[in-house]
Amino acid sequence: MIQVTIPLIPGGQSGPLIPAEQVTALLRTIAVDWLRSADAADPAVDRETVDSLAGVLDELADSIDVECIAFASAPEGQAPDGE
């Protein structure tokens, strides 16, 4: 079982915020933990399903990273989508 500490940043009225790099690290850690558990599990575990789910978590983490890079790279005063 994994243990992860995630810092929370007060976000005012919107509630607490979590740094994006912590979210993506958590998603990737969960994916790896699932794969390791499937390797050690009994034969009843459907490895194909575990692989697919872990892949979805990795893709989500990659997507968050791309969005954060676009946001950080956008010129001041311009939205990441060019508007």
N, C-alpha and C. Protein backbone atom coordinates (compact mmCIF):
# COMPACT_ATOMS: atom_id res chain seq x y z
N MET A 1 0.85 -1.18 0.00
CA MET A 1 0.00 0.00 0.00
C MET A 1 0.89 1.24 0.00
N ILE A 2 0.49 2.22 -0.79
CA ILE A 2 1.27 3.45 -0.90
C ILE A 2 0.86 4.44 0.18
N GLN A 3 1.81 5.29 0.54
CA GLN A 3 1.53 6.40 1.44
C GLN A 3 2.07 7.65 0.78
N VAL A 4 1.20 8.64 0.62
CA VAL A 4 1.58 9.87 -0.06
C VAL A 4 1.13 11.05 0.78
N THR A 5 2.01 12.03 0.90
CA THR A 5 1.67 13.27 1.59
C THR A 5 1.50 14.35 0.54
N ILE A 6 0.35 15.00 0.57
CA ILE A 6 0.05 16.04 -0.41
C ILE A 6 -0.20 17.36 0.32
N PRO A 7 0.60 18.38 -0.01
CA PRO A 7 0.39 19.68 0.63
C PRO A 7 -0.86 20.36 0.11
N LEU A 8 -1.62 20.96 0.99
CA LEU A 8 -2.79 21.74 0.60
C LEU A 8 -2.46 23.22 0.75
N ILE A 9 -2.87 24.00 -0.23
CA ILE A 9 -2.64 25.44 -0.23
C ILE A 9 -3.99 26.11 -0.05
N PRO A 10 -4.11 27.00 0.96
CA PRO A 10 -5.40 27.68 1.13
C PRO A 10 -5.77 28.44 -0.14
N GLY A 11 -6.98 28.22 -0.62
CA GLY A 11 -7.42 28.84 -1.86
C GLY A 11 -8.51 29.86 -1.68
N GLY A 12 -8.67 30.36 -0.48
CA GLY A 12 -9.73 31.34 -0.25
C GLY A 12 -11.09 30.68 -0.28
N GLN A 13 -12.04 31.33 -0.92
CA GLN A 13 -13.41 30.82 -0.97
C GLN A 13 -13.56 29.61 -1.87
N SER A 14 -12.60 29.39 -2.76
CA SER A 14 -12.69 28.25 -3.66
C SER A 14 -12.27 26.95 -2.98
N GLY A 15 -11.77 27.01 -1.78
CA GLY A 15 -11.35 25.82 -1.05
C GLY A 15 -9.86 25.58 -1.20
N PRO A 16 -9.36 24.54 -0.59
CA PRO A 16 -7.92 24.27 -0.66
C PRO A 16 -7.50 23.81 -2.06
N LEU A 17 -6.27 24.16 -2.41
CA LEU A 17 -5.71 23.79 -3.71
C LEU A 17 -4.58 22.78 -3.52
N ILE A 18 -4.36 21.96 -4.51
CA ILE A 18 -3.29 20.98 -4.49
C ILE A 18 -2.38 21.30 -5.67
N PRO A 19 -1.05 21.39 -5.46
CA PRO A 19 -0.15 21.66 -6.58
C PRO A 19 -0.29 20.58 -7.66
N ALA A 20 -0.32 21.01 -8.92
CA ALA A 20 -0.53 20.09 -10.04
C ALA A 20 0.51 18.99 -10.08
N GLU A 21 1.77 19.32 -9.77
CA GLU A 21 2.79 18.27 -9.82
C GLU A 21 2.55 17.20 -8.77
N GLN A 22 1.90 17.56 -7.68
CA GLN A 22 1.55 16.57 -6.66
C GLN A 22 0.41 15.68 -7.15
N VAL A 23 -0.54 16.27 -7.86
CA VAL A 23 -1.66 15.49 -8.40
C VAL A 23 -1.16 14.49 -9.44
N THR A 24 -0.31 14.95 -10.37
CA THR A 24 0.19 14.05 -11.40
C THR A 24 1.08 12.96 -10.80
N ALA A 25 1.88 13.31 -9.80
CA ALA A 25 2.71 12.30 -9.12
C ALA A 25 1.82 11.27 -8.43
N LEU A 26 0.74 11.72 -7.81
CA LEU A 26 -0.19 10.80 -7.15
C LEU A 26 -0.82 9.85 -8.17
N LEU A 27 -1.29 10.38 -9.30
CA LEU A 27 -1.90 9.54 -10.32
C LEU A 27 -0.92 8.48 -10.82
N ARG A 28 0.32 8.90 -11.07
CA ARG A 28 1.32 7.94 -11.57
C ARG A 28 1.70 6.92 -10.50
N THR A 29 1.74 7.34 -9.25
CA THR A 29 2.05 6.42 -8.15
C THR A 29 0.95 5.38 -8.00
N ILE A 30 -0.29 5.80 -8.11
CA ILE A 30 -1.41 4.85 -8.02
C ILE A 30 -1.33 3.84 -9.16
N ALA A 31 -1.03 4.32 -10.38
CA ALA A 31 -0.92 3.42 -11.53
C ALA A 31 0.16 2.37 -11.31
N VAL A 32 1.32 2.80 -10.85
CA VAL A 32 2.42 1.86 -10.58
C VAL A 32 2.04 0.89 -9.47
N ASP A 33 1.38 1.38 -8.43
CA ASP A 33 0.97 0.52 -7.32
C ASP A 33 -0.02 -0.54 -7.81
N TRP A 34 -0.95 -0.15 -8.68
CA TRP A 34 -1.89 -1.13 -9.24
C TRP A 34 -1.16 -2.21 -10.02
N LEU A 35 -0.19 -1.79 -10.84
CA LEU A 35 0.55 -2.76 -11.65
C LEU A 35 1.35 -3.72 -10.77
N ARG A 36 1.98 -3.18 -9.74
CA ARG A 36 2.73 -4.05 -8.81
C ARG A 36 1.79 -5.00 -8.08
N SER A 37 0.64 -4.51 -7.68
CA SER A 37 -0.33 -5.36 -6.99
C SER A 37 -0.83 -6.46 -7.91
N ALA A 38 -1.04 -6.13 -9.17
CA ALA A 38 -1.51 -7.13 -10.12
C ALA A 38 -0.45 -8.20 -10.34
N ASP A 39 0.81 -7.80 -10.32
CA ASP A 39 1.90 -8.78 -10.47
C ASP A 39 1.92 -9.77 -9.31
N ALA A 40 1.59 -9.28 -8.12
CA ALA A 40 1.64 -10.13 -6.93
C ALA A 40 0.31 -10.80 -6.60
N ALA A 41 -0.73 -10.42 -7.33
CA ALA A 41 -2.08 -10.91 -7.00
C ALA A 41 -2.32 -12.32 -7.51
N ASP A 42 -3.46 -12.84 -7.09
CA ASP A 42 -3.83 -14.18 -7.55
C ASP A 42 -4.23 -14.14 -9.02
N PRO A 43 -4.32 -15.28 -9.65
CA PRO A 43 -4.63 -15.33 -11.08
C PRO A 43 -6.01 -14.78 -11.44
N ALA A 44 -6.86 -14.56 -10.46
CA ALA A 44 -8.21 -14.05 -10.74
C ALA A 44 -8.19 -12.58 -11.16
N VAL A 45 -7.08 -11.88 -10.90
CA VAL A 45 -6.98 -10.48 -11.28
C VAL A 45 -6.82 -10.39 -12.79
N ASP A 46 -7.64 -9.57 -13.41
CA ASP A 46 -7.58 -9.39 -14.87
C ASP A 46 -6.49 -8.38 -15.19
N ARG A 47 -5.34 -8.88 -15.58
CA ARG A 47 -4.18 -8.02 -15.83
C ARG A 47 -4.45 -7.02 -16.95
N GLU A 48 -5.20 -7.41 -17.94
CA GLU A 48 -5.51 -6.49 -19.05
C GLU A 48 -6.29 -5.28 -18.55
N THR A 49 -7.24 -5.52 -17.64
CA THR A 49 -8.03 -4.41 -17.09
C THR A 49 -7.14 -3.50 -16.24
N VAL A 50 -6.29 -4.09 -15.42
CA VAL A 50 -5.38 -3.30 -14.58
C VAL A 50 -4.46 -2.46 -15.47
N ASP A 51 -3.91 -3.07 -16.52
CA ASP A 51 -3.05 -2.33 -17.44
C ASP A 51 -3.80 -1.16 -18.09
N SER A 52 -5.04 -1.39 -18.48
CA SER A 52 -5.85 -0.34 -19.10
C SER A 52 -6.12 0.80 -18.13
N LEU A 53 -6.50 0.45 -16.91
CA LEU A 53 -6.79 1.48 -15.91
C LEU A 53 -5.54 2.28 -15.55
N ALA A 54 -4.41 1.59 -15.41
CA ALA A 54 -3.15 2.28 -15.12
C ALA A 54 -2.79 3.21 -16.28
N GLY A 55 -3.04 2.76 -17.50
CA GLY A 55 -2.78 3.60 -18.67
C GLY A 55 -3.64 4.86 -18.68
N VAL A 56 -4.89 4.72 -18.27
CA VAL A 56 -5.78 5.89 -18.20
C VAL A 56 -5.26 6.90 -17.18
N LEU A 57 -4.78 6.42 -16.04
CA LEU A 57 -4.22 7.33 -15.03
C LEU A 57 -2.98 8.04 -15.56
N ASP A 58 -2.12 7.31 -16.25
CA ASP A 58 -0.93 7.93 -16.85
C ASP A 58 -1.31 8.98 -17.89
N GLU A 59 -2.29 8.67 -18.73
CA GLU A 59 -2.75 9.63 -19.74
C GLU A 59 -3.35 10.88 -19.10
N LEU A 60 -4.09 10.70 -18.02
CA LEU A 60 -4.66 11.85 -17.31
C LEU A 60 -3.54 12.71 -16.73
N ALA A 61 -2.54 12.08 -16.13
CA ALA A 61 -1.41 12.83 -15.59
C ALA A 61 -0.68 13.59 -16.69
N ASP A 62 -0.48 12.93 -17.85
CA ASP A 62 0.16 13.60 -18.98
C ASP A 62 -0.67 14.80 -19.44
N SER A 63 -1.97 14.64 -19.50
CA SER A 63 -2.86 15.72 -19.93
C SER A 63 -2.78 16.92 -18.98
N ILE A 64 -2.76 16.63 -17.69
CA ILE A 64 -2.64 17.71 -16.70
C ILE A 64 -1.30 18.42 -16.87
N ASP A 65 -0.22 17.66 -17.08
CA ASP A 65 1.09 18.27 -17.30
C ASP A 65 1.08 19.19 -18.51
N VAL A 66 0.48 18.73 -19.61
CA VAL A 66 0.42 19.54 -20.83
C VAL A 66 -0.36 20.82 -20.59
N GLU A 67 -1.49 20.72 -19.92
CA GLU A 67 -2.30 21.91 -19.64
C GLU A 67 -1.54 22.90 -18.76
N CYS A 68 -0.80 22.40 -17.79
CA CYS A 68 -0.03 23.27 -16.90
C CYS A 68 1.11 23.95 -17.66
N ILE A 69 1.76 23.20 -18.55
CA ILE A 69 2.83 23.79 -19.35
C ILE A 69 2.26 24.87 -20.26
N ALA A 70 1.11 24.62 -20.88
CA ALA A 70 0.47 25.63 -21.73
C ALA A 70 0.09 26.86 -20.93
N PHE A 71 -0.42 26.65 -19.74
CA PHE A 71 -0.82 27.78 -18.89
C PHE A 71 0.40 28.60 -18.49
N ALA A 72 1.46 27.91 -18.08
CA ALA A 72 2.68 28.61 -17.64
C ALA A 72 3.40 29.28 -18.79
N SER A 73 3.23 28.77 -20.01
CA SER A 73 3.93 29.30 -21.18
C SER A 73 3.15 30.41 -21.89
N ALA A 74 1.89 30.60 -21.55
CA ALA A 74 1.07 31.62 -22.23
C ALA A 74 1.60 33.01 -21.89
N PRO A 75 1.66 33.89 -22.90
CA PRO A 75 2.08 35.26 -22.63
C PRO A 75 1.17 35.91 -21.60
N GLU A 76 1.73 36.81 -20.82
CA GLU A 76 0.96 37.48 -19.77
C GLU A 76 -0.27 38.16 -20.35
N GLY A 77 -1.40 37.96 -19.73
CA GLY A 77 -2.65 38.56 -20.18
C GLY A 77 -3.36 37.76 -21.26
N GLN A 78 -2.76 36.65 -21.71
CA GLN A 78 -3.38 35.84 -22.75
C GLN A 78 -3.67 34.46 -22.18
N ALA A 79 -4.86 33.95 -22.48
CA ALA A 79 -5.25 32.62 -22.03
C ALA A 79 -4.42 31.59 -22.78
N PRO A 80 -4.21 30.40 -22.19
CA PRO A 80 -3.43 29.36 -22.86
C PRO A 80 -3.99 28.94 -24.21
N ASP A 81 -5.29 29.15 -24.44
CA ASP A 81 -5.89 28.76 -25.72
C ASP A 81 -5.76 29.86 -26.78
N GLY A 82 -5.02 30.94 -26.45
CA GLY A 82 -4.77 31.99 -27.42
C GLY A 82 -5.71 33.16 -27.35
N GLU A 83 -6.68 33.11 -26.47
CA GLU A 83 -7.66 34.21 -26.38
C GLU A 83 -7.20 35.27 -25.42
